[in-house]
Structures are given as structure tokens and as C-alpha cells.
Amino acid sequence: MVGIEIRQQLKLTQSLVMTPQLQLAIKLLQLSRLELQEHVQQELMENPFLDEAPESSPGESAEKPAEGGADSSPAGAEPGLLAGGAQEQDWSERVQQILPDDSGTEVSRSAMSDVDLDRYLENHSRGEPPPFLRADASEELPQDHDTRYVQKGTLYDHVAWQVKLAEFTPREERLALLILGNLDRDGYFREPPLEDLAEEVGLELDEAEEVLREVQRMDPLGVAARDLRECLLAQAEVLNLEPPLVQMIDRHLPDIEKRNFQAVARAVGLDVEDVYAAAEVIATLEPRPARNFTGEEPQYVVPDVEVRRGADGEWQVVVNDDGLPRLRIARYYRDVIDRDPSAREYVRGKVRSAQWLIRSINQRQQTLLRVSERIVDRQRDFFDKGVSELRPMILKDIADDLGMHESTIGRVTTNKYMQTPHGIFELKYFFNSRIRRLEDEDIASEAVRSEIKTIIQGEDPQQPFSDQQIVKLLADKGIVIARRTVAKYRESMGLLSSSRRKRFY
């Protein structure tokens, strides 16, 4: 029988460990611009050693060191980090003194050894962007137009104000407010049943119907309608539209939605051309009364990078750091170490955390710049001529060019936007699958979408192209594509089928 024993053994193994600084770098890489700003502001609040560098005033020489050394600062002014001269050397030495060469520090230095932190800190302490963010010292990214807006009131408040001005009895006013309190996102009154609310306030159903009718004719027209038909009828009545048109809304709306104009024409005794003209008028009515009262704030896209032509005619990529705080390690906390030696460990951790954040942001911006430059190089025809010249490209193409992993490229291109002469695009827009051509090189799927849109825009409205005809037209240009793919691309662009695009005059 074999005995059981307890003994110690040494075993040497290798394993991959994701260090905290590497985790931070990956996290920042995939953040959108807004999320990065929020993260930086949170760190500024939590880390007393992290500070935001003030902007240099115009005309002020950032390169000129203060005369008289450390004592020349104006009274009451906060000494900045790495401001130049002996102060910079003194504080750099102090940081190194409280960050001994322990294992954690060695890992942090080796993990990002390719980042010139000193140069980054020096530039940011002077209020200047790092060199890789500047195409020309005299050039600045264009400022956006004024994006301020006046916040609108809620739909309830807007209509309730009109209800209180109407000649309702107290019970009728209470019913009207109950109806407004039960509107859905689109401004419709779908539930509870009107008779339930009428019973609650002590009104007969026909009286409640009249109150509802009055509410539906308030601004916005059609609010509190129970269905689309009721919504459009309220608008047609207030706008005093012709009786045949009102009849079409009341009795033939499903056929109009299906563009079955022949059936409607037979039913109302009009020509197909007249029915089509009426349908175009109906299309101008508002199917969602609450459209302007959703309560959603407008979302503005700020480009992360801009592509523009340089003086030499070549495309230049500039990273937009406007709105991102310029960070530095706050130097006015240096006295904490001298006053309280027990705080050394706390200070050391906070300084190290600040260094990691600054390095990670620097690395994020550099990676974004490199990826954007490769996109521009590979999609030069797009920038020269437009969407129709977009070339096939996948994440692996850029990853191979830069010696990075595909997942890294995926993180960089997610929720990042590029301003181009043709508009603002998400970086992922430039990655497209291949569509085979007969005799020429392959074409990007997005370029095929552009071709389909161009064909439809140039068609005869009375005889629009079917999907099969579009397939043949694309084949004439050497683009081989299936009919179902044409339908898929057409629908993705919000383009109707040929039967629904057809006009009768």
C-alpha cells in the first residue's frame, strides 16, 4: 500500500498576466470621445495628484523660463508641473524618490516604454498639444457652429396649458388631463379605454368623446388620437382639406399605404392621377404628433480625427484633442511628503496612477492617429473622388500594416469619427466586404450601395427599375450581385420597392 505524504515542490511556470496599466490602456482605447472625457473628469475628482494644465494665453511665450528661478512666481499663483528650469528637475527627482524601483514600477515602465512621457508632460505643462496632434502650428481645427438649443417643455405641459384655456367644465378638464397623462411616446391615447376614464370623472361616453375630439384638435394636431386614421382625420379637418381626400383617409387608408391607387380610384370615382396627388398630400401630414416633444436631447457628433489637404496637396490626418483636458501631475502636493512621511505610500500610489493615465491617453491618441493614417492611405480614392470609389478593406488589412491585433483595430474604430471632405463617418464605415467584378478589381459593398442609390435616383418615376433590372444594370458595370442582395442593400438605405416608388404622372 502506497503511503500518503505531504511535501513541498518548486514549480516554474510562465503565464500571461494583464497588468493594471495594460487594462487601463485597453479600456481607454475603446472609449468614445464623450466617455473618455467623462473618465478623465472622474479621475481629476478622485486623484489629487492629477491636475488640468491651464491654456497658454495668446502671445505668451511658453518656451521662456521664468526669470529668477522658483521665487519669481507671482504671489498667490499655483506653481505648474514641469514649468521649466530648476523647478522641473527638482520635482522630477522628488517623484522618483517616492517611486522606488519596486516590481510594480518596473512593470509599468516596461509596459509602455515606447511612450515618451517626459515629452508629453513637458508639452502639456506648457499648454501646447503634443507634436503628433499638430499638422501645423498655425492651423487649428475648425470650431463647430453654435450648438446651443432651447429646451422644449413636455408634451403634457404644452397641451395641458391649452386645456386650461379651453372652455371646459371642471369634469371635462379633469378628463382631458387624464387623457394627456396616458399618452404614449408618439402622442397617441391607446389605453385605458375612454369609457373607464369617463366613468372615473362622472361623464357620459358621448360627452367624453367630444372632449377627446377637442383635445385632438389642439396643438400638435392629432394628439391623443387612438389610431393613425383618427390622427390624420383631426389634421385634415383643421386644415380644411377637400372632402374626397378626407374620405380617402377615413375609408381607404390601408389601400393608400399599400399604394393600391387603382382600387381607391374606383371606390371614390376619381382618376388614378388625382388619387396619387391626394396621397402625396396625405404624406405631408404628421403621423407622430409627439415627434417634437420626445424629451431627447440632440446628439452631436464631434470628430475624433480630421482629414484635410496639406499645402503639398497630400492628405493629412490631425487628431482632434479639442475638449480633452491637458493633464499633468499636480506639483503643489509635494509638501505633503515633507510634512507627513506616513503619507508616502498613498502619494506613491496616486502619482503612479496619474502617470499610467497620462501614458494611456497618449498611447490611445497615437494609436488612433496611426490607424487613421493607414485608412487614408488605403482609401485614397474615396477621399479624392467620393463614396463610389470606396475600396474593399477589412480589419486584418490595417492590423497587418501596423503589426497589431485585429481586436485592437476593432477597439480603435468603434465609436470614433472622422471628418472628411465628404462628411463625417465612423471609422468602421471604411471597412467593407468585397463584391466581385468581372474584369476589374473587386469593389466595396458600400460602393455598391452607392451605385444602387444612384441608379434609383436616375430612374423614370413612372417606370422605376425592379431589383432584377438593377442587377442587370450593375452587371453592365461589371458588378456581379444577386437580386436578393440588391433588395437587402436597397432596404438598408430606406429605399422602397419599385411598386411603391412608381408615380402615375
Protein backbone atom coordinates (compact mmCIF):
# COMPACT_ATOMS: atom_id res chain seq x y z
CA MET A 1 0.00 0.00 0.00
CA VAL A 2 1.41 3.35 -1.06
CA GLY A 3 1.66 5.86 1.75
CA ILE A 4 0.30 9.39 1.50
CA GLU A 5 2.72 12.17 2.29
CA ILE A 6 2.75 15.96 2.24
CA ARG A 7 5.77 17.68 0.75
CA GLN A 8 6.75 20.97 -0.85
CA GLN A 9 7.70 21.30 -4.51
CA LEU A 10 9.01 24.20 -6.55
CA LYS A 11 7.45 24.55 -9.98
CA LEU A 12 8.49 27.14 -12.57
CA THR A 13 5.74 28.22 -15.00
CA GLN A 14 5.12 31.07 -17.39
CA SER A 15 1.76 32.77 -17.73
CA LEU A 16 0.38 35.90 -19.30
CA VAL A 17 -0.87 38.44 -16.77
CA MET A 18 -2.72 41.59 -17.76
CA THR A 19 -1.22 44.35 -15.63
CA PRO A 20 -3.41 47.19 -14.30
CA GLN A 21 -1.77 49.68 -16.64
CA LEU A 22 -2.40 47.43 -19.65
CA GLN A 23 -6.03 47.04 -18.59
CA LEU A 24 -6.30 50.83 -18.40
CA ALA A 25 -4.75 51.27 -21.85
CA ILE A 26 -7.21 48.79 -23.39
CA LYS A 27 -10.14 50.42 -21.60
CA LEU A 28 -9.26 53.92 -22.84
CA LEU A 29 -8.67 52.64 -26.36
CA GLN A 30 -12.27 51.52 -26.80
CA LEU A 31 -13.93 54.52 -25.13
CA SER A 32 -15.77 57.03 -27.27
CA ARG A 33 -14.74 60.67 -27.10
CA LEU A 34 -17.53 61.54 -24.66
CA GLU A 35 -16.78 58.52 -22.47
CA LEU A 36 -13.09 59.46 -22.40
CA GLN A 37 -13.94 62.99 -21.28
CA GLU A 38 -16.14 61.61 -18.51
CA HIS A 39 -13.42 59.18 -17.40
CA VAL A 40 -10.80 61.94 -17.26
CA GLN A 41 -13.12 64.21 -15.25
CA GLN A 42 -13.78 61.36 -12.82
CA GLU A 43 -10.04 60.79 -12.38
CA LEU A 44 -9.48 64.51 -11.82
CA MET A 45 -12.01 64.39 -8.99
CA GLU A 46 -10.61 61.24 -7.37
CA ASN A 47 -6.83 61.72 -7.76
CA PRO A 48 -5.41 64.82 -6.00
CA PHE A 49 -2.11 64.34 -7.82
CA LEU A 50 -3.77 64.68 -11.25
CA ASP A 51 -4.23 68.23 -12.43
CA GLU A 52 -5.54 70.00 -15.52
CA ALA A 53 -2.98 72.27 -17.16
CA PRO A 54 -4.24 75.79 -17.93
CA GLU A 55 -4.29 77.01 -21.51
CA SER A 56 -1.45 79.32 -22.54
CA SER A 57 -2.64 82.85 -23.22
CA PRO A 58 -2.18 84.09 -26.80
CA GLY A 59 1.14 85.76 -27.35
CA GLU A 60 2.61 84.33 -24.16
CA SER A 61 5.90 82.61 -24.75
CA ALA A 62 5.62 79.13 -23.36
CA GLU A 63 9.26 78.41 -24.02
CA LYS A 64 10.68 81.27 -21.97
CA PRO A 65 11.54 80.16 -18.41
CA ALA A 66 10.63 82.43 -15.54
CA GLU A 67 13.41 84.74 -14.53
CA GLY A 68 14.71 84.48 -11.02
CA GLY A 69 14.05 80.76 -10.58
CA ALA A 70 11.43 79.36 -8.24
CA ASP A 71 10.92 82.57 -6.31
CA SER A 72 9.86 84.60 -9.34
CA SER A 73 6.28 83.33 -9.44
CA PRO A 74 3.60 85.94 -8.72
CA ALA A 75 2.18 85.86 -5.23
CA GLY A 76 -0.76 83.54 -4.91
CA ALA A 77 -0.10 81.76 -8.23
CA GLU A 78 -0.07 77.99 -8.23
CA PRO A 79 3.23 76.58 -9.45
CA GLY A 80 2.63 74.38 -12.51
CA LEU A 81 4.16 70.99 -13.16
CA LEU A 82 7.35 70.88 -15.20
CA ALA A 83 7.20 74.60 -15.86
CA GLY A 84 10.86 74.73 -16.71
CA GLY A 85 14.26 75.35 -15.15
CA ALA A 86 15.32 74.10 -11.74
CA GLN A 87 11.73 73.55 -10.61
CA GLU A 88 11.22 70.83 -13.23
CA GLN A 89 14.39 68.98 -12.23
CA ASP A 90 13.57 69.29 -8.53
CA TRP A 91 10.06 67.88 -8.87
CA SER A 92 11.14 65.09 -11.21
CA GLU A 93 13.65 63.97 -8.60
CA ARG A 94 11.00 64.10 -5.87
CA VAL A 95 8.67 61.91 -7.93
CA GLN A 96 11.44 59.37 -8.43
CA GLN A 97 12.24 59.43 -4.71
CA ILE A 98 8.72 58.43 -3.73
CA LEU A 99 8.56 55.84 -6.54
CA PRO A 100 11.35 53.39 -5.68
CA ASP A 101 12.31 50.74 -8.21
CA ASP A 102 9.92 48.11 -6.88
CA SER A 103 8.40 45.44 -9.07
CA GLY A 104 5.22 47.39 -9.74
CA THR A 105 7.14 50.37 -11.06
CA GLU A 106 9.34 48.22 -13.27
CA VAL A 107 6.29 46.60 -14.85
CA SER A 108 4.70 49.98 -15.52
CA ARG A 109 7.87 51.28 -17.18
CA SER A 110 8.35 48.26 -19.40
CA ALA A 111 4.69 48.03 -20.39
CA MET A 112 4.77 51.43 -22.07
CA SER A 113 8.44 52.01 -22.71
CA ASP A 114 7.68 53.29 -26.20
CA VAL A 115 5.79 56.32 -24.84
CA ASP A 116 7.86 59.45 -24.20
CA LEU A 117 6.11 60.53 -21.01
CA ASP A 118 8.55 63.32 -20.20
CA ARG A 119 8.00 64.94 -23.58
CA TYR A 120 4.24 64.55 -23.20
CA LEU A 121 4.24 66.12 -19.74
CA GLU A 122 6.51 68.92 -20.86
CA ASN A 123 4.30 69.86 -23.78
CA HIS A 124 1.11 69.64 -21.74
CA SER A 125 2.54 71.70 -18.89
CA ARG A 126 3.20 74.47 -21.41
CA GLY A 127 -0.37 74.35 -22.65
CA GLU A 128 0.69 73.02 -26.07
CA PRO A 129 -0.63 69.84 -27.71
CA PRO A 130 1.88 67.02 -28.26
CA PRO A 131 3.67 67.17 -31.65
CA PHE A 132 1.71 64.24 -33.11
CA LEU A 133 -1.52 66.20 -32.67
CA ARG A 134 -0.35 69.18 -34.71
CA ALA A 135 -0.15 69.32 -38.50
CA ASP A 136 0.97 72.93 -38.47
CA ALA A 137 1.43 75.30 -35.56
CA SER A 138 -0.56 77.95 -37.40
CA GLU A 139 -3.51 75.65 -38.09
CA GLU A 140 -6.37 74.87 -35.75
CA LEU A 141 -9.30 72.55 -36.10
CA PRO A 142 -12.41 74.44 -37.21
CA GLN A 143 -14.75 75.29 -34.39
CA ASP A 144 -18.28 73.96 -34.57
CA HIS A 145 -21.20 76.30 -35.08
CA ASP A 146 -23.12 77.34 -32.01
CA THR A 147 -24.89 74.19 -30.84
CA ARG A 148 -26.96 75.74 -28.08
CA TYR A 149 -30.64 75.00 -28.13
CA VAL A 150 -33.67 75.96 -26.11
CA GLN A 151 -35.07 73.08 -24.14
CA LYS A 152 -38.70 72.38 -25.02
CA GLY A 153 -41.39 71.65 -22.48
CA THR A 154 -43.02 68.27 -22.28
CA LEU A 155 -45.96 67.32 -24.46
CA TYR A 156 -48.16 67.10 -21.37
CA ASP A 157 -47.30 70.65 -20.27
CA HIS A 158 -47.78 72.01 -23.78
CA VAL A 159 -51.27 70.56 -24.28
CA ALA A 160 -52.35 70.97 -20.63
CA TRP A 161 -51.76 74.70 -20.96
CA GLN A 162 -54.23 74.74 -23.88
CA VAL A 163 -56.70 72.58 -21.95
CA LYS A 164 -56.77 75.09 -19.10
CA LEU A 165 -57.50 77.89 -21.57
CA ALA A 166 -60.34 75.95 -23.22
CA GLU A 167 -63.96 76.35 -22.16
CA PHE A 168 -64.17 73.01 -20.36
CA THR A 169 -66.21 72.30 -17.26
CA PRO A 170 -64.19 71.08 -14.25
CA ARG A 171 -65.10 67.46 -15.04
CA GLU A 172 -64.23 67.85 -18.71
CA GLU A 173 -60.91 69.49 -17.83
CA ARG A 174 -60.10 66.67 -15.43
CA LEU A 175 -60.89 64.11 -18.15
CA ALA A 176 -58.71 65.96 -20.66
CA LEU A 177 -55.78 65.95 -18.22
CA LEU A 178 -56.29 62.24 -17.53
CA ILE A 179 -56.15 61.59 -21.27
CA LEU A 180 -52.91 63.57 -21.53
CA GLY A 181 -51.46 61.57 -18.67
CA ASN A 182 -51.99 58.35 -20.62
CA LEU A 183 -50.36 59.33 -23.93
CA ASP A 184 -47.67 57.05 -25.32
CA ARG A 185 -44.31 58.06 -26.73
CA ASP A 186 -45.82 59.03 -30.11
CA GLY A 187 -48.62 61.11 -28.59
CA TYR A 188 -51.38 58.50 -29.04
CA PHE A 189 -54.08 57.67 -26.49
CA ARG A 190 -54.27 53.87 -26.76
CA GLU A 191 -55.22 52.85 -23.22
CA PRO A 192 -57.07 52.71 -20.87
CA PRO A 193 -60.44 52.71 -22.68
CA LEU A 194 -62.07 56.13 -22.81
CA GLU A 195 -65.21 54.81 -21.08
CA ASP A 196 -63.13 53.92 -18.00
CA LEU A 197 -61.83 57.49 -17.67
CA ALA A 198 -65.30 58.91 -18.38
CA GLU A 199 -66.76 56.81 -15.56
CA GLU A 200 -63.98 57.96 -13.23
CA VAL A 201 -64.80 61.66 -13.71
CA GLY A 202 -68.58 61.18 -13.95
CA LEU A 203 -69.18 61.91 -17.65
CA GLU A 204 -71.25 60.08 -20.24
CA LEU A 205 -69.35 58.36 -23.05
CA ASP A 206 -70.64 60.74 -25.73
CA GLU A 207 -69.53 63.71 -23.61
CA ALA A 208 -66.09 62.10 -23.19
CA GLU A 209 -65.86 61.56 -26.95
CA GLU A 210 -66.46 65.27 -27.51
CA VAL A 211 -63.72 66.19 -25.02
CA LEU A 212 -61.31 63.82 -26.75
CA ARG A 213 -62.22 65.33 -30.12
CA GLU A 214 -61.43 68.83 -28.81
CA VAL A 215 -58.07 67.69 -27.41
CA GLN A 216 -57.15 66.09 -30.74
CA ARG A 217 -57.58 69.47 -32.44
CA MET A 218 -55.16 71.21 -30.11
CA ASP A 219 -51.50 71.72 -30.92
CA PRO A 220 -49.88 69.45 -32.01
CA LEU A 221 -52.73 68.43 -34.30
CA GLY A 222 -53.80 64.83 -33.86
CA VAL A 223 -52.50 64.45 -30.32
CA ALA A 224 -54.44 61.90 -28.20
CA ALA A 225 -55.69 60.08 -31.31
CA ARG A 226 -56.42 56.40 -30.77
CA ASP A 227 -55.04 55.28 -34.13
CA LEU A 228 -53.41 56.68 -37.27
CA ARG A 229 -56.74 57.21 -39.03
CA GLU A 230 -58.08 59.34 -36.17
CA CYS A 231 -54.82 61.31 -36.05
CA LEU A 232 -54.86 62.17 -39.76
CA LEU A 233 -58.59 62.96 -39.76
CA ALA A 234 -58.10 65.53 -37.00
CA GLN A 235 -55.39 67.23 -39.04
CA ALA A 236 -57.45 67.10 -42.25
CA GLU A 237 -60.41 68.74 -40.52
CA VAL A 238 -58.42 71.60 -39.02
CA LEU A 239 -56.55 72.15 -42.31
CA ASN A 240 -59.90 72.13 -44.16
CA LEU A 241 -58.82 69.56 -46.76
CA GLU A 242 -61.14 68.58 -49.62
CA PRO A 243 -63.92 66.04 -48.86
CA PRO A 244 -62.59 63.35 -51.28
CA LEU A 245 -59.24 63.45 -49.50
CA VAL A 246 -60.91 63.18 -46.09
CA GLN A 247 -62.91 60.23 -47.43
CA MET A 248 -59.69 58.50 -48.52
CA ILE A 249 -58.24 58.88 -45.02
CA ASP A 250 -61.44 57.70 -43.38
CA ARG A 251 -62.17 54.65 -45.54
CA HIS A 252 -59.21 53.78 -47.75
CA LEU A 253 -56.08 54.42 -45.68
CA PRO A 254 -54.84 50.77 -45.84
CA ASP A 255 -55.01 50.83 -49.67
CA ILE A 256 -53.18 54.16 -49.77
CA GLU A 257 -50.45 52.74 -47.51
CA LYS A 258 -50.06 49.83 -49.96
CA ARG A 259 -50.15 52.31 -52.88
CA ASN A 260 -53.10 50.44 -54.38
CA PHE A 261 -54.28 53.62 -56.10
CA GLN A 262 -56.38 51.86 -58.73
CA ALA A 263 -58.67 50.38 -56.06
CA VAL A 264 -59.00 53.74 -54.32
CA ALA A 265 -59.75 55.49 -57.63
CA ARG A 266 -62.56 53.06 -58.39
CA ALA A 267 -64.03 53.45 -54.91
CA VAL A 268 -64.07 57.26 -54.84
CA GLY A 269 -64.74 57.81 -58.55
CA LEU A 270 -61.55 59.73 -59.32
CA ASP A 271 -58.70 59.30 -61.77
CA VAL A 272 -55.59 57.46 -60.58
CA GLU A 273 -53.58 60.67 -61.04
CA ASP A 274 -55.92 62.52 -58.65
CA VAL A 275 -55.66 59.75 -56.08
CA TYR A 276 -51.88 59.84 -56.33
CA ALA A 277 -51.89 63.62 -55.82
CA ALA A 278 -54.12 63.17 -52.77
CA ALA A 279 -51.76 60.52 -51.40
CA GLU A 280 -48.88 62.97 -51.64
CA VAL A 281 -50.88 65.49 -49.61
CA ILE A 282 -51.67 62.84 -47.00
CA ALA A 283 -47.96 62.02 -46.81
CA THR A 284 -47.30 65.58 -45.62
CA LEU A 285 -49.46 65.07 -42.50
CA GLU A 286 -47.79 64.16 -39.21
CA PRO A 287 -48.26 60.50 -38.15
CA ARG A 288 -46.43 61.08 -34.83
CA PRO A 289 -47.85 64.15 -33.05
CA ALA A 290 -45.27 63.93 -30.26
CA ARG A 291 -42.29 63.95 -32.63
CA ASN A 292 -41.05 67.33 -31.36
CA PHE A 293 -41.74 66.52 -27.71
CA THR A 294 -39.77 63.33 -27.16
CA GLY A 295 -37.63 64.91 -24.45
CA GLU A 296 -34.49 63.57 -26.09
CA GLU A 297 -31.56 65.94 -26.30
CA PRO A 298 -29.98 66.28 -29.73
CA GLN A 299 -26.86 64.20 -30.16
CA TYR A 300 -23.90 65.96 -31.75
CA VAL A 301 -21.04 64.02 -33.29
CA VAL A 302 -17.63 65.57 -32.69
CA PRO A 303 -14.99 64.04 -34.98
CA ASP A 304 -12.01 62.40 -33.29
CA VAL A 305 -9.80 63.00 -36.33
CA GLU A 306 -9.91 65.32 -39.32
CA VAL A 307 -8.60 64.62 -42.81
CA ARG A 308 -7.67 67.63 -44.93
CA ARG A 309 -5.30 68.52 -47.74
CA GLY A 310 -1.96 69.98 -46.81
CA ALA A 311 -0.05 72.67 -48.65
CA ASP A 312 1.66 69.96 -50.71
CA GLY A 313 -1.69 68.57 -51.88
CA GLU A 314 -1.37 65.39 -49.81
CA TRP A 315 -3.98 64.25 -47.30
CA GLN A 316 -3.12 64.99 -43.68
CA VAL A 317 -4.65 63.42 -40.58
CA VAL A 318 -4.99 65.54 -37.44
CA VAL A 319 -6.22 64.15 -34.12
CA ASN A 320 -8.79 66.45 -32.57
CA ASP A 321 -7.94 66.93 -28.89
CA ASP A 322 -10.27 69.90 -28.51
CA GLY A 323 -12.31 69.46 -25.34
CA LEU A 324 -9.96 66.89 -23.79
CA PRO A 325 -8.24 68.27 -20.66
CA ARG A 326 -4.46 68.51 -20.80
CA LEU A 327 -3.22 66.61 -17.81
CA ARG A 328 -0.19 66.97 -15.57
CA ILE A 329 0.92 65.69 -12.20
CA ALA A 330 0.00 68.39 -9.69
CA ARG A 331 3.16 69.79 -8.14
CA TYR A 332 1.61 71.75 -5.30
CA TYR A 333 1.19 68.49 -3.34
CA ARG A 334 4.93 67.97 -2.96
CA ASP A 335 4.93 69.43 0.55
CA VAL A 336 2.68 66.56 1.71
CA ILE A 337 5.66 64.23 1.62
CA ASP A 338 7.80 66.51 3.78
CA ARG A 339 5.05 67.22 6.31
CA ASP A 340 3.74 63.67 6.71
CA PRO A 341 6.14 60.80 5.90
CA SER A 342 3.34 58.30 6.66
CA ALA A 343 1.53 59.55 3.53
CA ARG A 344 4.37 58.38 1.30
CA GLU A 345 2.60 55.14 0.30
CA TYR A 346 -0.63 56.98 -0.53
CA VAL A 347 1.22 59.60 -2.57
CA ARG A 348 3.21 56.95 -4.39
CA GLY A 349 0.04 55.12 -5.48
CA LYS A 350 -1.68 58.28 -6.67
CA VAL A 351 1.35 59.52 -8.62
CA ARG A 352 1.73 56.14 -10.28
CA SER A 353 -1.99 56.12 -11.18
CA ALA A 354 -1.68 59.60 -12.69
CA GLN A 355 1.34 58.53 -14.74
CA TRP A 356 -0.49 55.48 -16.08
CA LEU A 357 -3.48 57.59 -17.11
CA ILE A 358 -1.37 60.18 -18.92
CA ARG A 359 0.63 57.49 -20.68
CA SER A 360 -2.52 55.58 -21.66
CA ILE A 361 -4.18 58.67 -23.13
CA ASN A 362 -1.01 59.46 -25.05
CA GLN A 363 -0.86 55.91 -26.38
CA ARG A 364 -4.58 55.99 -27.30
CA GLN A 365 -4.16 59.16 -29.35
CA GLN A 366 -1.05 57.84 -31.09
CA THR A 367 -2.79 54.57 -31.97
CA LEU A 368 -5.83 56.45 -33.26
CA LEU A 369 -3.57 58.59 -35.43
CA ARG A 370 -1.69 55.60 -36.87
CA VAL A 371 -4.88 53.68 -37.68
CA SER A 372 -6.47 56.76 -39.27
CA GLU A 373 -3.40 57.38 -41.42
CA ARG A 374 -3.48 53.81 -42.72
CA ILE A 375 -7.20 54.12 -43.51
CA VAL A 376 -6.49 57.26 -45.52
CA ASP A 377 -3.61 55.57 -47.35
CA ARG A 378 -5.75 52.57 -48.31
CA GLN A 379 -8.87 54.60 -49.16
CA ARG A 380 -7.17 57.44 -51.03
CA ASP A 381 -9.61 57.16 -53.96
CA PHE A 382 -12.51 57.73 -51.57
CA PHE A 383 -11.02 60.98 -50.32
CA ASP A 384 -10.16 62.10 -53.85
CA LYS A 385 -13.42 61.17 -55.62
CA GLY A 386 -16.13 60.12 -53.18
CA VAL A 387 -18.11 57.14 -51.87
CA SER A 388 -18.28 55.37 -55.24
CA GLU A 389 -14.52 54.80 -55.05
CA LEU A 390 -14.52 53.16 -51.62
CA ARG A 391 -12.29 50.08 -51.73
CA PRO A 392 -12.80 46.71 -50.00
CA MET A 393 -10.99 46.63 -46.67
CA ILE A 394 -11.18 44.51 -43.53
CA LEU A 395 -9.73 44.89 -40.05
CA LYS A 396 -6.97 42.42 -40.84
CA ASP A 397 -5.62 44.70 -43.58
CA ILE A 398 -4.92 47.54 -41.15
CA ALA A 399 -3.77 45.13 -38.43
CA ASP A 400 -1.17 43.62 -40.77
CA ASP A 401 0.01 47.06 -41.88
CA LEU A 402 0.62 48.22 -38.31
CA GLY A 403 1.64 44.93 -36.72
CA MET A 404 -1.34 44.99 -34.35
CA HIS A 405 -4.05 42.51 -33.49
CA GLU A 406 -7.43 42.75 -35.22
CA SER A 407 -9.16 43.23 -31.86
CA THR A 408 -7.05 46.34 -31.26
CA ILE A 409 -8.12 47.81 -34.60
CA GLY A 410 -11.71 46.94 -33.73
CA ARG A 411 -11.47 48.85 -30.45
CA VAL A 412 -9.87 51.88 -32.09
CA THR A 413 -12.53 52.14 -34.82
CA THR A 414 -15.57 51.71 -32.56
CA ASN A 415 -17.42 54.95 -31.76
CA LYS A 416 -14.65 57.04 -33.31
CA TYR A 417 -15.49 59.51 -36.07
CA MET A 418 -13.52 61.04 -38.94
CA GLN A 419 -14.26 64.37 -40.57
CA THR A 420 -13.65 64.19 -44.32
CA PRO A 421 -14.39 66.45 -47.31
CA HIS A 422 -17.41 64.18 -47.96
CA GLY A 423 -18.87 64.35 -44.46
CA ILE A 424 -18.36 62.78 -41.03
CA PHE A 425 -18.07 58.99 -40.94
CA GLU A 426 -17.49 56.44 -38.22
CA LEU A 427 -14.12 54.78 -38.74
CA LYS A 428 -15.88 51.43 -39.14
CA TYR A 429 -17.60 52.84 -42.24
CA PHE A 430 -14.38 52.37 -44.20
CA PHE A 431 -14.32 48.60 -43.61
CA ASN A 432 -16.36 46.80 -46.26
CA SER A 433 -16.76 43.32 -47.66
CA ARG A 434 -15.78 42.52 -51.25
CA ILE A 435 -18.13 42.37 -54.21
CA ARG A 436 -16.67 40.53 -57.20
CA ARG A 437 -16.23 42.27 -60.53
CA LEU A 438 -15.96 40.54 -63.90
CA GLU A 439 -12.88 42.22 -65.34
CA ASP A 440 -11.83 44.88 -62.85
CA GLU A 441 -10.64 44.74 -59.24
CA ASP A 442 -13.16 43.98 -56.51
CA ILE A 443 -15.42 46.74 -55.23
CA ALA A 444 -16.54 47.56 -51.68
CA SER A 445 -20.08 46.73 -50.63
CA GLU A 446 -20.65 50.36 -49.60
CA ALA A 447 -19.70 51.48 -53.11
CA VAL A 448 -22.29 49.04 -54.49
CA ARG A 449 -24.90 50.62 -52.23
CA SER A 450 -23.93 53.99 -53.66
CA GLU A 451 -24.33 52.63 -57.21
CA ILE A 452 -27.80 51.26 -56.40
CA LYS A 453 -28.84 54.59 -54.92
CA THR A 454 -27.55 56.44 -58.00
CA ILE A 455 -29.48 54.11 -60.33
CA ILE A 456 -32.73 54.60 -58.41
CA GLN A 457 -32.29 58.37 -58.26
CA GLY A 458 -31.86 58.50 -62.03
CA GLU A 459 -34.78 56.24 -62.97
CA ASP A 460 -38.04 57.25 -64.63
CA PRO A 461 -40.54 57.73 -61.74
CA GLN A 462 -43.35 56.33 -63.89
CA GLN A 463 -41.32 53.22 -64.77
CA PRO A 464 -38.97 52.52 -61.84
CA PHE A 465 -36.40 49.75 -62.07
CA SER A 466 -37.18 46.44 -60.44
CA ASP A 467 -34.50 44.73 -58.36
CA GLN A 468 -33.81 42.33 -61.23
CA GLN A 469 -33.32 45.23 -63.63
CA ILE A 470 -30.90 46.82 -61.18
CA VAL A 471 -28.97 43.52 -61.12
CA LYS A 472 -28.60 43.72 -64.92
CA LEU A 473 -27.55 47.39 -64.82
CA LEU A 474 -24.88 46.57 -62.24
CA ALA A 475 -23.72 43.62 -64.36
CA ASP A 476 -23.21 46.05 -67.25
CA LYS A 477 -20.73 47.83 -64.99
CA GLY A 478 -19.01 44.55 -64.18
CA ILE A 479 -20.55 44.19 -60.72
CA VAL A 480 -21.87 40.68 -60.08
CA ILE A 481 -24.56 40.65 -57.41
CA ALA A 482 -27.70 38.63 -56.63
CA ARG A 483 -31.21 40.09 -56.71
CA ARG A 484 -31.76 39.36 -53.01
CA THR A 485 -28.56 41.30 -52.24
CA VAL A 486 -29.89 44.28 -54.20
CA ALA A 487 -33.11 44.10 -52.17
CA LYS A 488 -31.12 43.89 -48.93
CA TYR A 489 -28.94 46.90 -49.79
CA ARG A 490 -31.94 48.89 -51.05
CA GLU A 491 -33.90 48.28 -47.85
CA SER A 492 -30.89 49.14 -45.69
CA MET A 493 -30.87 52.59 -47.33
CA GLY A 494 -34.61 53.05 -46.74
CA LEU A 495 -35.48 52.87 -50.46
CA LEU A 496 -38.88 51.48 -51.40
CA SER A 497 -39.59 48.66 -53.83
CA SER A 498 -40.33 49.53 -57.47
CA SER A 499 -44.09 49.15 -56.99
CA ARG A 500 -44.05 51.66 -54.14
CA ARG A 501 -41.71 54.08 -55.94
CA LYS A 502 -43.93 54.27 -59.00
CA ARG A 503 -45.60 57.57 -59.82
CA PHE A 504 -48.58 57.95 -62.11
CA TYR A 505 -47.87 61.36 -63.57
